[in-house]
Amino acid sequence: MTGIALGQLVIGPLSDTLGRRRPLLTGLTVYVAASLLCTVAPNPTVLIGMRLVQGLAGAAGIVIARAIVRDLYDGLGAARLLSSLMLVSGTAPANAFPDTAGNSAARIARGAAVSQKIR
């Protein structure tokens, strides 16, 4: 959480200065590299440090996506796209961990509905 918060403060103005593409691609590259380093972390300290780097780099996607909407749209169009971004941001954690109770119940319900259609 700290990495995402600090990353937004840094990457937002940086993307205003350098443009959107380069900071976004750099953030994505650093995020993937930090993720790979997390998988081979030799101790918890390195893991926590790499998770901080993940947060800093992951903030690029969050802040630049909103900036792109602000650049391209205004009024009702911007409101619709920003609400869609909020929807994706809100549901992403639930989709990232599909074995949580809520998702398991939803999958069971979908499976039951599909099996009803098959019969």
C-alpha atoms as a PDB file:
ATOM      1  CA  MET A   1       0.000   0.000   0.000  1.00  0.00           C
ATOM      2  CA  THR A   2       2.842   2.370   0.798  1.00  0.00           C
ATOM      3  CA  GLY A   3       4.484   1.661  -2.552  1.00  0.00           C
ATOM      4  CA  ILE A   4       1.279   2.304  -4.479  1.00  0.00           C
ATOM      5  CA  ALA A   5       0.650   5.548  -2.598  1.00  0.00           C
ATOM      6  CA  LEU A   6       4.178   6.873  -3.046  1.00  0.00           C
ATOM      7  CA  GLY A   7       4.337   5.636  -6.636  1.00  0.00           C
ATOM      8  CA  GLN A   8       1.267   7.626  -7.601  1.00  0.00           C
ATOM      9  CA  LEU A   9       2.808  10.767  -6.142  1.00  0.00           C
ATOM     10  CA  VAL A  10       5.967  10.264  -8.183  1.00  0.00           C
ATOM     11  CA  ILE A  11       4.694   8.739 -11.414  1.00  0.00           C
ATOM     12  CA  GLY A  12       1.768  11.143 -11.908  1.00  0.00           C
ATOM     13  CA  PRO A  13       3.901  14.271 -12.355  1.00  0.00           C
ATOM     14  CA  LEU A  14       6.542  12.229 -14.171  1.00  0.00           C
ATOM     15  CA  SER A  15       3.996  11.081 -16.761  1.00  0.00           C
ATOM     16  CA  ASP A  16       2.822  14.676 -17.175  1.00  0.00           C
ATOM     17  CA  THR A  17       6.404  15.680 -17.962  1.00  0.00           C
ATOM     18  CA  LEU A  18       7.644  12.721 -20.030  1.00  0.00           C
ATOM     19  CA  GLY A  19       4.409  11.589 -21.634  1.00  0.00           C
ATOM     20  CA  ARG A  20       2.320   8.536 -20.852  1.00  0.00           C
ATOM     21  CA  ARG A  21       3.953   5.733 -22.822  1.00  0.00           C
ATOM     22  CA  ARG A  22       7.504   5.647 -21.429  1.00  0.00           C
ATOM     23  CA  PRO A  23       6.567   5.744 -17.713  1.00  0.00           C
ATOM     24  CA  LEU A  24       3.823   3.158 -18.293  1.00  0.00           C
ATOM     25  CA  LEU A  25       6.148   0.733 -20.088  1.00  0.00           C
ATOM     26  CA  THR A  26       8.879   1.303 -17.521  1.00  0.00           C
ATOM     27  CA  GLY A  27       6.441   0.687 -14.677  1.00  0.00           C
ATOM     28  CA  LEU A  28       5.227  -2.519 -16.295  1.00  0.00           C
ATOM     29  CA  THR A  29       8.784  -3.746 -16.879  1.00  0.00           C
ATOM     30  CA  VAL A  30       9.872  -2.984 -13.322  1.00  0.00           C
ATOM     31  CA  TYR A  31       6.700  -4.615 -11.955  1.00  0.00           C
ATOM     32  CA  VAL A  32       7.349  -7.837 -13.878  1.00  0.00           C
ATOM     33  CA  ALA A  33      11.009  -7.870 -12.809  1.00  0.00           C
ATOM     34  CA  ALA A  34      10.069  -7.279  -9.164  1.00  0.00           C
ATOM     35  CA  SER A  35       7.472 -10.052  -9.382  1.00  0.00           C
ATOM     36  CA  LEU A  36      10.073 -12.480 -10.670  1.00  0.00           C
ATOM     37  CA  LEU A  37      12.481 -11.444  -7.926  1.00  0.00           C
ATOM     38  CA  CYS A  38       9.726 -12.002  -5.349  1.00  0.00           C
ATOM     39  CA  THR A  39       9.482 -15.624  -6.450  1.00  0.00           C
ATOM     40  CA  VAL A  40      13.156 -16.239  -5.698  1.00  0.00           C
ATOM     41  CA  ALA A  41      13.519 -14.015  -2.630  1.00  0.00           C
ATOM     42  CA  PRO A  42      15.973 -15.681  -0.253  1.00  0.00           C
ATOM     43  CA  ASN A  43      14.505 -14.106   2.884  1.00  0.00           C
ATOM     44  CA  PRO A  44      11.505 -12.069   4.062  1.00  0.00           C
ATOM     45  CA  THR A  45      13.426  -8.792   3.978  1.00  0.00           C
ATOM     46  CA  VAL A  46      14.131  -9.111   0.254  1.00  0.00           C
ATOM     47  CA  LEU A  47      10.529 -10.191  -0.351  1.00  0.00           C
ATOM     48  CA  ILE A  48       9.165  -7.146   1.464  1.00  0.00           C
ATOM     49  CA  GLY A  49      11.549  -4.879  -0.445  1.00  0.00           C
ATOM     50  CA  MET A  50      10.486  -6.349  -3.780  1.00  0.00           C
ATOM     51  CA  ARG A  51       6.825  -6.007  -2.809  1.00  0.00           C
ATOM     52  CA  LEU A  52       7.510  -2.310  -2.140  1.00  0.00           C
ATOM     53  CA  VAL A  53       9.075  -2.017  -5.598  1.00  0.00           C
ATOM     54  CA  GLN A  54       6.034  -3.813  -7.043  1.00  0.00           C
ATOM     55  CA  GLY A  55       3.777  -1.220  -5.449  1.00  0.00           C
ATOM     56  CA  LEU A  56       5.860   1.679  -6.720  1.00  0.00           C
ATOM     57  CA  ALA A  57       5.897   0.274 -10.253  1.00  0.00           C
ATOM     58  CA  GLY A  58       2.269  -0.887 -10.198  1.00  0.00           C
ATOM     59  CA  ALA A  59       1.159   2.628  -9.406  1.00  0.00           C
ATOM     60  CA  ALA A  60       2.100   3.549 -12.979  1.00  0.00           C
ATOM     61  CA  GLY A  61      -0.841   1.611 -14.376  1.00  0.00           C
ATOM     62  CA  ILE A  62      -3.261   3.104 -11.896  1.00  0.00           C
ATOM     63  CA  VAL A  63      -2.325   6.737 -12.241  1.00  0.00           C
ATOM     64  CA  ILE A  64      -1.565   6.740 -15.968  1.00  0.00           C
ATOM     65  CA  ALA A  65      -4.841   5.002 -16.865  1.00  0.00           C
ATOM     66  CA  ARG A  66      -6.744   7.754 -15.097  1.00  0.00           C
ATOM     67  CA  ALA A  67      -4.586  10.423 -16.707  1.00  0.00           C
ATOM     68  CA  ILE A  68      -5.269   8.994 -20.162  1.00  0.00           C
ATOM     69  CA  VAL A  69      -9.020   9.147 -19.534  1.00  0.00           C
ATOM     70  CA  ARG A  70      -8.627  12.731 -18.366  1.00  0.00           C
ATOM     71  CA  ASP A  71      -6.600  13.554 -21.499  1.00  0.00           C
ATOM     72  CA  LEU A  72      -9.006  12.017 -24.001  1.00  0.00           C
ATOM     73  CA  TYR A  73     -12.474  12.541 -22.529  1.00  0.00           C
ATOM     74  CA  ASP A  74     -14.472  15.086 -20.599  1.00  0.00           C
ATOM     75  CA  GLY A  75     -17.915  15.320 -19.091  1.00  0.00           C
ATOM     76  CA  LEU A  76     -20.139  12.254 -19.247  1.00  0.00           C
ATOM     77  CA  GLY A  77     -17.665  10.222 -21.322  1.00  0.00           C
ATOM     78  CA  ALA A  78     -14.942  10.718 -18.726  1.00  0.00           C
ATOM     79  CA  ALA A  79     -17.344   9.861 -15.912  1.00  0.00           C
ATOM     80  CA  ARG A  80     -18.334   6.613 -17.619  1.00  0.00           C
ATOM     81  CA  LEU A  81     -14.754   5.542 -18.257  1.00  0.00           C
ATOM     82  CA  LEU A  82     -13.593   6.494 -14.775  1.00  0.00           C
ATOM     83  CA  SER A  83     -16.456   4.518 -13.254  1.00  0.00           C
ATOM     84  CA  SER A  84     -15.438   1.536 -15.403  1.00  0.00           C
ATOM     85  CA  LEU A  85     -11.867   1.893 -14.141  1.00  0.00           C
ATOM     86  CA  MET A  86     -13.167   1.949 -10.571  1.00  0.00           C
ATOM     87  CA  LEU A  87     -15.191  -1.192 -11.266  1.00  0.00           C
ATOM     88  CA  VAL A  88     -12.138  -3.001 -12.596  1.00  0.00           C
ATOM     89  CA  SER A  89     -10.009  -1.778  -9.679  1.00  0.00           C
ATOM     90  CA  GLY A  90     -12.641  -2.886  -7.200  1.00  0.00           C
ATOM     91  CA  THR A  91     -13.123  -6.359  -8.646  1.00  0.00           C
ATOM     92  CA  ALA A  92      -9.489  -7.095  -9.513  1.00  0.00           C
ATOM     93  CA  PRO A  93      -8.536  -8.346  -6.018  1.00  0.00           C
ATOM     94  CA  ALA A  94     -11.502 -10.726  -5.992  1.00  0.00           C
ATOM     95  CA  ASN A  95     -10.555 -12.057  -9.415  1.00  0.00           C
ATOM     96  CA  ALA A  96      -6.883 -12.315  -8.480  1.00  0.00           C
ATOM     97  CA  PHE A  97      -7.717 -14.709  -5.654  1.00  0.00           C
ATOM     98  CA  PRO A  98     -10.349 -17.007  -7.149  1.00  0.00           C
ATOM     99  CA  ASP A  99     -10.452 -19.342  -4.157  1.00  0.00           C
ATOM    100  CA  THR A 100     -11.898 -16.786  -1.759  1.00  0.00           C
ATOM    101  CA  ALA A 101     -15.280 -17.593  -0.279  1.00  0.00           C
ATOM    102  CA  GLY A 102     -17.253 -15.138  -2.401  1.00  0.00           C
ATOM    103  CA  ASN A 103     -15.734 -16.293  -5.663  1.00  0.00           C
ATOM    104  CA  SER A 104     -16.059 -19.940  -4.716  1.00  0.00           C
ATOM    105  CA  ALA A 105     -19.759 -19.427  -4.064  1.00  0.00           C
ATOM    106  CA  ALA A 106     -20.133 -17.592  -7.368  1.00  0.00           C
ATOM    107  CA  ARG A 107     -18.323 -20.348  -9.258  1.00  0.00           C
ATOM    108  CA  ILE A 108     -20.484 -22.999  -7.610  1.00  0.00           C
ATOM    109  CA  ALA A 109     -23.606 -21.050  -8.561  1.00  0.00           C
ATOM    110  CA  ARG A 110     -22.380 -20.661 -12.159  1.00  0.00           C
ATOM    111  CA  GLY A 111     -21.519 -24.348 -12.296  1.00  0.00           C
ATOM    112  CA  ALA A 112     -24.959 -25.278 -11.045  1.00  0.00           C
ATOM    113  CA  ALA A 113     -26.579 -23.018 -13.642  1.00  0.00           C
ATOM    114  CA  VAL A 114     -24.465 -24.517 -16.418  1.00  0.00           C
ATOM    115  CA  SER A 115     -25.269 -28.073 -15.330  1.00  0.00           C
ATOM    116  CA  GLN A 116     -28.991 -27.169 -15.295  1.00  0.00           C
ATOM    117  CA  LYS A 117     -28.722 -25.992 -18.906  1.00  0.00           C
ATOM    118  CA  ILE A 118     -26.938 -29.169 -19.951  1.00  0.00           C
ATOM    119  CA  ARG A 119     -29.711 -31.385 -18.594  1.00  0.00           C
END
